[in-house]
């Protein structure tokens, strides 16, 4: 239907924010977890797929703080 809207939410299993005392060990643990997921960065390509399918971007109507 022309003029409709779509909202898309996807996981990015390679995007974590972790504050730890041992950064090297944290990288090993996070890397091992992401390695268990077939396509940990798949959500990063969703926007491009939608644009390729003919969707267009519009400005957000979200409330913004001054």
PDB file of N, CA and C in Angstrom:
ATOM      1  N   UNK A   1       0.841  -1.169   0.000  1.00  0.00           N
ATOM      2  CA  UNK A   1       0.000   0.000   0.000  1.00  0.00           C
ATOM      3  C   UNK A   1       0.888   1.235   0.000  1.00  0.00           C
ATOM      4  N   UNK A   2       0.773   2.078  -0.945  1.00  0.00           N
ATOM      5  CA  UNK A   2       1.584   3.287  -1.028  1.00  0.00           C
ATOM      6  C   UNK A   2       1.268   4.216   0.135  1.00  0.00           C
ATOM      7  N   UNK A   3       2.297   4.864   0.642  1.00  0.00           N
ATOM      8  CA  UNK A   3       2.117   5.811   1.741  1.00  0.00           C
ATOM      9  C   UNK A   3       2.124   5.195   3.121  1.00  0.00           C
ATOM     10  N   UNK A   4       2.310   3.890   3.202  1.00  0.00           N
ATOM     11  CA  UNK A   4       2.347   3.225   4.504  1.00  0.00           C
ATOM     12  C   UNK A   4       3.680   3.419   5.196  1.00  0.00           C
ATOM     13  N   UNK A   5       3.798   2.868   6.372  1.00  0.00           N
ATOM     14  CA  UNK A   5       5.039   2.961   7.145  1.00  0.00           C
ATOM     15  C   UNK A   5       5.423   1.581   7.632  1.00  0.00           C
ATOM     16  N   UNK A   6       6.699   1.431   7.890  1.00  0.00           N
ATOM     17  CA  UNK A   6       7.201   0.173   8.429  1.00  0.00           C
ATOM     18  C   UNK A   6       8.162   0.493   9.568  1.00  0.00           C
ATOM     19  N   UNK A   7       8.107  -0.307  10.588  1.00  0.00           N
ATOM     20  CA  UNK A   7       9.076  -0.230  11.685  1.00  0.00           C
ATOM     21  C   UNK A   7       9.838  -1.541  11.700  1.00  0.00           C
ATOM     22  N   UNK A   8      11.131  -1.482  11.885  1.00  0.00           N
ATOM     23  CA  UNK A   8      11.942  -2.690  11.830  1.00  0.00           C
ATOM     24  C   UNK A   8      12.876  -2.722  13.026  1.00  0.00           C
ATOM     25  N   UNK A   9      12.892  -3.838  13.691  1.00  0.00           N
ATOM     26  CA  UNK A   9      13.774  -4.035  14.830  1.00  0.00           C
ATOM     27  C   UNK A   9      14.549  -5.310  14.583  1.00  0.00           C
ATOM     28  N   UNK A  10      15.851  -5.247  14.752  1.00  0.00           N
ATOM     29  CA  UNK A  10      16.662  -6.437  14.546  1.00  0.00           C
ATOM     30  C   UNK A  10      17.801  -6.488  15.541  1.00  0.00           C
ATOM     31  N   UNK A  11      18.218  -7.669  15.873  1.00  0.00           N
ATOM     32  CA  UNK A  11      19.335  -7.848  16.789  1.00  0.00           C
ATOM     33  C   UNK A  11      20.659  -7.676  16.066  1.00  0.00           C
ATOM     34  N   UNK A  12      21.611  -7.123  16.755  1.00  0.00           N
ATOM     35  CA  UNK A  12      22.982  -7.036  16.260  1.00  0.00           C
ATOM     36  C   UNK A  12      23.836  -7.695  17.330  1.00  0.00           C
ATOM     37  N   UNK A  13      24.095  -8.971  17.157  1.00  0.00           N
ATOM     38  CA  UNK A  13      24.793  -9.746  18.187  1.00  0.00           C
ATOM     39  C   UNK A  13      26.266  -9.394  18.319  1.00  0.00           C
ATOM     40  N   UNK A  14      26.774  -8.553  17.448  1.00  0.00           N
ATOM     41  CA  UNK A  14      28.153  -8.097  17.573  1.00  0.00           C
ATOM     42  C   UNK A  14      28.228  -6.687  18.158  1.00  0.00           C
ATOM     43  N   UNK A  15      27.130  -6.147  18.633  1.00  0.00           N
ATOM     44  CA  UNK A  15      27.132  -4.803  19.212  1.00  0.00           C
ATOM     45  C   UNK A  15      26.788  -4.898  20.698  1.00  0.00           C
ATOM     46  N   UNK A  16      27.787  -4.784  21.513  1.00  0.00           N
ATOM     47  CA  UNK A  16      27.618  -4.823  22.958  1.00  0.00           C
ATOM     48  C   UNK A  16      28.374  -3.650  23.566  1.00  0.00           C
ATOM     49  N   UNK A  17      27.867  -3.141  24.656  1.00  0.00           N
ATOM     50  CA  UNK A  17      28.591  -2.128  25.415  1.00  0.00           C
ATOM     51  C   UNK A  17      28.785  -2.713  26.808  1.00  0.00           C
ATOM     52  N   UNK A  18      30.025  -2.989  27.118  1.00  0.00           N
ATOM     53  CA  UNK A  18      30.346  -3.638  28.383  1.00  0.00           C
ATOM     54  C   UNK A  18      31.510  -2.899  29.033  1.00  0.00           C
ATOM     55  N   UNK A  19      31.330  -2.542  30.275  1.00  0.00           N
ATOM     56  CA  UNK A  19      32.427  -1.952  31.042  1.00  0.00           C
ATOM     57  C   UNK A  19      32.974  -3.033  31.971  1.00  0.00           C
ATOM     58  N   UNK A  20      34.200  -3.419  31.794  1.00  0.00           N
ATOM     59  CA  UNK A  20      34.767  -4.499  32.594  1.00  0.00           C
ATOM     60  C   UNK A  20      36.183  -4.143  33.022  1.00  0.00           C
ATOM     61  N   UNK A  21      36.617  -4.778  34.088  1.00  0.00           N
ATOM     62  CA  UNK A  21      37.962  -4.531  34.603  1.00  0.00           C
ATOM     63  C   UNK A  21      39.040  -5.127  33.692  1.00  0.00           C
ATOM     64  N   UNK A  22      38.705  -6.167  32.954  1.00  0.00           N
ATOM     65  CA  UNK A  22      39.666  -6.844  32.085  1.00  0.00           C
ATOM     66  C   UNK A  22      39.173  -6.806  30.638  1.00  0.00           C
ATOM     67  N   UNK A  23      39.489  -5.740  29.882  1.00  0.00           N
ATOM     68  CA  UNK A  23      38.978  -5.600  28.509  1.00  0.00           C
ATOM     69  C   UNK A  23      39.367  -6.750  27.583  1.00  0.00           C
ATOM     70  N   UNK A  24      40.546  -7.297  27.734  1.00  0.00           N
ATOM     71  CA  UNK A  24      40.977  -8.387  26.853  1.00  0.00           C
ATOM     72  C   UNK A  24      40.108  -9.631  27.057  1.00  0.00           C
ATOM     73  N   UNK A  25      39.841  -9.968  28.301  1.00  0.00           N
ATOM     74  CA  UNK A  25      38.993 -11.122  28.599  1.00  0.00           C
ATOM     75  C   UNK A  25      37.563 -10.872  28.112  1.00  0.00           C
ATOM     76  N   UNK A  26      37.083  -9.642  28.283  1.00  0.00           N
ATOM     77  CA  UNK A  26      35.738  -9.289  27.823  1.00  0.00           C
ATOM     78  C   UNK A  26      35.620  -9.496  26.320  1.00  0.00           C
ATOM     79  N   UNK A  27      36.639  -9.098  25.547  1.00  0.00           N
ATOM     80  CA  UNK A  27      36.619  -9.305  24.095  1.00  0.00           C
ATOM     81  C   UNK A  27      36.559 -10.784  23.742  1.00  0.00           C
ATOM     82  N   UNK A  28      37.267 -11.616  24.490  1.00  0.00           N
ATOM     83  CA  UNK A  28      37.249 -13.062  24.234  1.00  0.00           C
ATOM     84  C   UNK A  28      35.847 -13.624  24.474  1.00  0.00           C
ATOM     85  N   UNK A  29      35.214 -13.229  25.574  1.00  0.00           N
ATOM     86  CA  UNK A  29      33.885 -13.742  25.912  1.00  0.00           C
ATOM     87  C   UNK A  29      32.845 -13.268  24.893  1.00  0.00           C
ATOM     88  N   UNK A  30      32.853 -11.988  24.556  1.00  0.00           N
ATOM     89  CA  UNK A  30      31.884 -11.446  23.598  1.00  0.00           C
ATOM     90  C   UNK A  30      32.102 -12.059  22.215  1.00  0.00           C
ATOM     91  N   UNK A  31      33.346 -12.201  21.805  1.00  0.00           N
ATOM     92  CA  UNK A  31      33.642 -12.800  20.504  1.00  0.00           C
ATOM     93  C   UNK A  31      33.177 -14.242  20.422  1.00  0.00           C
ATOM     94  N   UNK A  32      33.338 -14.982  21.501  1.00  0.00           N
ATOM     95  CA  UNK A  32      32.895 -16.382  21.517  1.00  0.00           C
ATOM     96  C   UNK A  32      31.377 -16.461  21.408  1.00  0.00           C
ATOM     97  N   UNK A  33      30.680 -15.573  22.096  1.00  0.00           N
ATOM     98  CA  UNK A  33      29.217 -15.572  22.027  1.00  0.00           C
ATOM     99  C   UNK A  33      28.717 -15.221  20.644  1.00  0.00           C
ATOM    100  N   UNK A  34      29.312 -14.217  20.025  1.00  0.00           N
ATOM    101  CA  UNK A  34      28.901 -13.811  18.674  1.00  0.00           C
ATOM    102  C   UNK A  34      29.225 -14.909  17.663  1.00  0.00           C
ATOM    103  N   UNK A  35      30.257 -15.674  17.937  1.00  0.00           N
ATOM    104  CA  UNK A  35      30.631 -16.755  17.037  1.00  0.00           C
ATOM    105  C   UNK A  35      29.616 -17.888  17.003  1.00  0.00           C
ATOM    106  N   UNK A  36      28.722 -17.941  17.974  1.00  0.00           N
ATOM    107  CA  UNK A  36      27.694 -18.981  18.012  1.00  0.00           C
ATOM    108  C   UNK A  36      26.477 -18.624  17.161  1.00  0.00           C
ATOM    109  N   UNK A  37      26.378 -17.375  16.742  1.00  0.00           N
ATOM    110  CA  UNK A  37      25.242 -16.911  15.946  1.00  0.00           C
ATOM    111  C   UNK A  37      25.606 -17.012  14.464  1.00  0.00           C
ATOM    112  N   UNK A  38      24.711 -17.529  13.658  1.00  0.00           N
ATOM    113  CA  UNK A  38      24.987 -17.735  12.232  1.00  0.00           C
ATOM    114  C   UNK A  38      25.353 -16.445  11.519  1.00  0.00           C
ATOM    115  N   UNK A  39      24.589 -15.388  11.730  1.00  0.00           N
ATOM    116  CA  UNK A  39      24.836 -14.105  11.060  1.00  0.00           C
ATOM    117  C   UNK A  39      24.664 -12.974  12.083  1.00  0.00           C
ATOM    118  N   UNK A  40      25.683 -12.761  12.925  1.00  0.00           N
ATOM    119  CA  UNK A  40      25.536 -11.791  14.019  1.00  0.00           C
ATOM    120  C   UNK A  40      25.322 -10.354  13.571  1.00  0.00           C
ATOM    121  N   UNK A  41      25.657 -10.024  12.332  1.00  0.00           N
ATOM    122  CA  UNK A  41      25.504  -8.646  11.852  1.00  0.00           C
ATOM    123  C   UNK A  41      24.379  -8.510  10.817  1.00  0.00           C
ATOM    124  N   UNK A  42      23.514  -9.485  10.719  1.00  0.00           N
ATOM    125  CA  UNK A  42      22.473  -9.488   9.684  1.00  0.00           C
ATOM    126  C   UNK A  42      21.585  -8.251   9.749  1.00  0.00           C
ATOM    127  N   UNK A  43      21.259  -7.787  10.938  1.00  0.00           N
ATOM    128  CA  UNK A  43      20.356  -6.639  11.073  1.00  0.00           C
ATOM    129  C   UNK A  43      20.937  -5.374  10.456  1.00  0.00           C
ATOM    130  N   UNK A  44      22.247  -5.296  10.334  1.00  0.00           N
ATOM    131  CA  UNK A  44      22.872  -4.103   9.755  1.00  0.00           C
ATOM    132  C   UNK A  44      22.521  -3.936   8.281  1.00  0.00           C
ATOM    133  N   UNK A  45      22.104  -4.987   7.612  1.00  0.00           N
ATOM    134  CA  UNK A  45      21.771  -4.912   6.201  1.00  0.00           C
ATOM    135  C   UNK A  45      20.295  -4.698   5.898  1.00  0.00           C
ATOM    136  N   UNK A  46      19.454  -4.680   6.933  1.00  0.00           N
ATOM    137  CA  UNK A  46      18.011  -4.564   6.707  1.00  0.00           C
ATOM    138  C   UNK A  46      17.634  -3.276   5.987  1.00  0.00           C
ATOM    139  N   UNK A  47      18.220  -2.161   6.373  1.00  0.00           N
ATOM    140  CA  UNK A  47      17.874  -0.877   5.753  1.00  0.00           C
ATOM    141  C   UNK A  47      18.146  -0.915   4.248  1.00  0.00           C
ATOM    142  N   UNK A  48      19.307  -1.430   3.875  1.00  0.00           N
ATOM    143  CA  UNK A  48      19.650  -1.518   2.467  1.00  0.00           C
ATOM    144  C   UNK A  48      18.697  -2.412   1.691  1.00  0.00           C
ATOM    145  N   UNK A  49      18.273  -3.517   2.295  1.00  0.00           N
ATOM    146  CA  UNK A  49      17.327  -4.405   1.633  1.00  0.00           C
ATOM    147  C   UNK A  49      15.991  -3.709   1.401  1.00  0.00           C
ATOM    148  N   UNK A  50      15.535  -2.940   2.392  1.00  0.00           N
ATOM    149  CA  UNK A  50      14.271  -2.217   2.239  1.00  0.00           C
ATOM    150  C   UNK A  50      14.383  -1.143   1.162  1.00  0.00           C
ATOM    151  N   UNK A  51      15.503  -0.424   1.136  1.00  0.00           N
ATOM    152  CA  UNK A  51      15.690   0.596   0.103  1.00  0.00           C
ATOM    153  C   UNK A  51      15.733  -0.045  -1.283  1.00  0.00           C
ATOM    154  N   UNK A  52      16.412  -1.185  -1.404  1.00  0.00           N
ATOM    155  CA  UNK A  52      16.469  -1.906  -2.683  1.00  0.00           C
ATOM    156  C   UNK A  52      15.082  -2.364  -3.140  1.00  0.00           C
ATOM    157  N   UNK A  53      14.195  -2.608  -2.175  1.00  0.00           N
ATOM    158  CA  UNK A  53      12.842  -3.070  -2.491  1.00  0.00           C
ATOM    159  C   UNK A  53      11.893  -1.910  -2.802  1.00  0.00           C
ATOM    160  N   UNK A  54      12.411  -0.673  -2.749  1.00  0.00           N
ATOM    161  CA  UNK A  54      11.583   0.473  -3.120  1.00  0.00           C
ATOM    162  C   UNK A  54      11.107   1.338  -1.976  1.00  0.00           C
ATOM    163  N   UNK A  55      11.448   0.968  -0.742  1.00  0.00           N
ATOM    164  CA  UNK A  55      11.079   1.811   0.394  1.00  0.00           C
ATOM    165  C   UNK A  55      11.927   3.078   0.366  1.00  0.00           C
ATOM    166  N   UNK A  56      11.413   4.151   0.926  1.00  0.00           N
ATOM    167  CA  UNK A  56      12.160   5.404   1.003  1.00  0.00           C
ATOM    168  C   UNK A  56      12.211   5.853   2.455  1.00  0.00           C
ATOM    169  N   UNK A  57      13.237   6.613   2.798  1.00  0.00           N
ATOM    170  CA  UNK A  57      13.359   7.111   4.163  1.00  0.00           C
ATOM    171  C   UNK A  57      12.616   8.432   4.299  1.00  0.00           C
ATOM    172  N   UNK A  58      12.079   8.646   5.456  1.00  0.00           N
ATOM    173  CA  UNK A  58      11.375   9.883   5.782  1.00  0.00           C
ATOM    174  C   UNK A  58      11.940  10.408   7.092  1.00  0.00           C
ATOM    175  N   UNK A  59      11.853  11.712   7.313  1.00  0.00           N
ATOM    176  CA  UNK A  59      12.326  12.251   8.597  1.00  0.00           C
ATOM    177  C   UNK A  59      11.547  11.646   9.760  1.00  0.00           C
ATOM    178  N   UNK A  60      12.229  11.455  10.856  1.00  0.00           N
ATOM    179  CA  UNK A  60      11.604  10.907  12.052  1.00  0.00           C
ATOM    180  C   UNK A  60      10.675  11.936  12.679  1.00  0.00           C
ATOM    181  N   UNK A  61       9.594  11.457  13.246  1.00  0.00           N
ATOM    182  CA  UNK A  61       8.658  12.328  13.968  1.00  0.00           C
ATOM    183  C   UNK A  61       8.808  12.174  15.474  1.00  0.00           C
ATOM    184  N   UNK A  62       9.881  11.576  15.904  1.00  0.00           N
ATOM    185  CA  UNK A  62      10.110  11.358  17.331  1.00  0.00           C
ATOM    186  C   UNK A  62      10.312  12.699  18.032  1.00  0.00           C
ATOM    187  N   UNK A  63       9.830  12.760  19.252  1.00  0.00           N
ATOM    188  CA  UNK A  63      10.014  13.980  20.046  1.00  0.00           C
ATOM    189  C   UNK A  63      11.493  14.127  20.375  1.00  0.00           C
ATOM    190  N   UNK A  64      12.018  15.292  20.202  1.00  0.00           N
ATOM    191  CA  UNK A  64      13.425  15.568  20.487  1.00  0.00           C
ATOM    192  C   UNK A  64      13.546  16.614  21.571  1.00  0.00           C
ATOM    193  N   UNK A  65      14.494  16.416  22.431  1.00  0.00           N
ATOM    194  CA  UNK A  65      14.754  17.414  23.482  1.00  0.00           C
ATOM    195  C   UNK A  65      15.587  18.550  22.923  1.00  0.00           C
ATOM    196  N   UNK A  66      15.285  19.769  23.366  1.00  0.00           N
ATOM    197  CA  UNK A  66      16.079  20.927  22.872  1.00  0.00           C
ATOM    198  C   UNK A  66      17.503  20.895  23.371  1.00  0.00           C
TER     199      UNK A  66
END
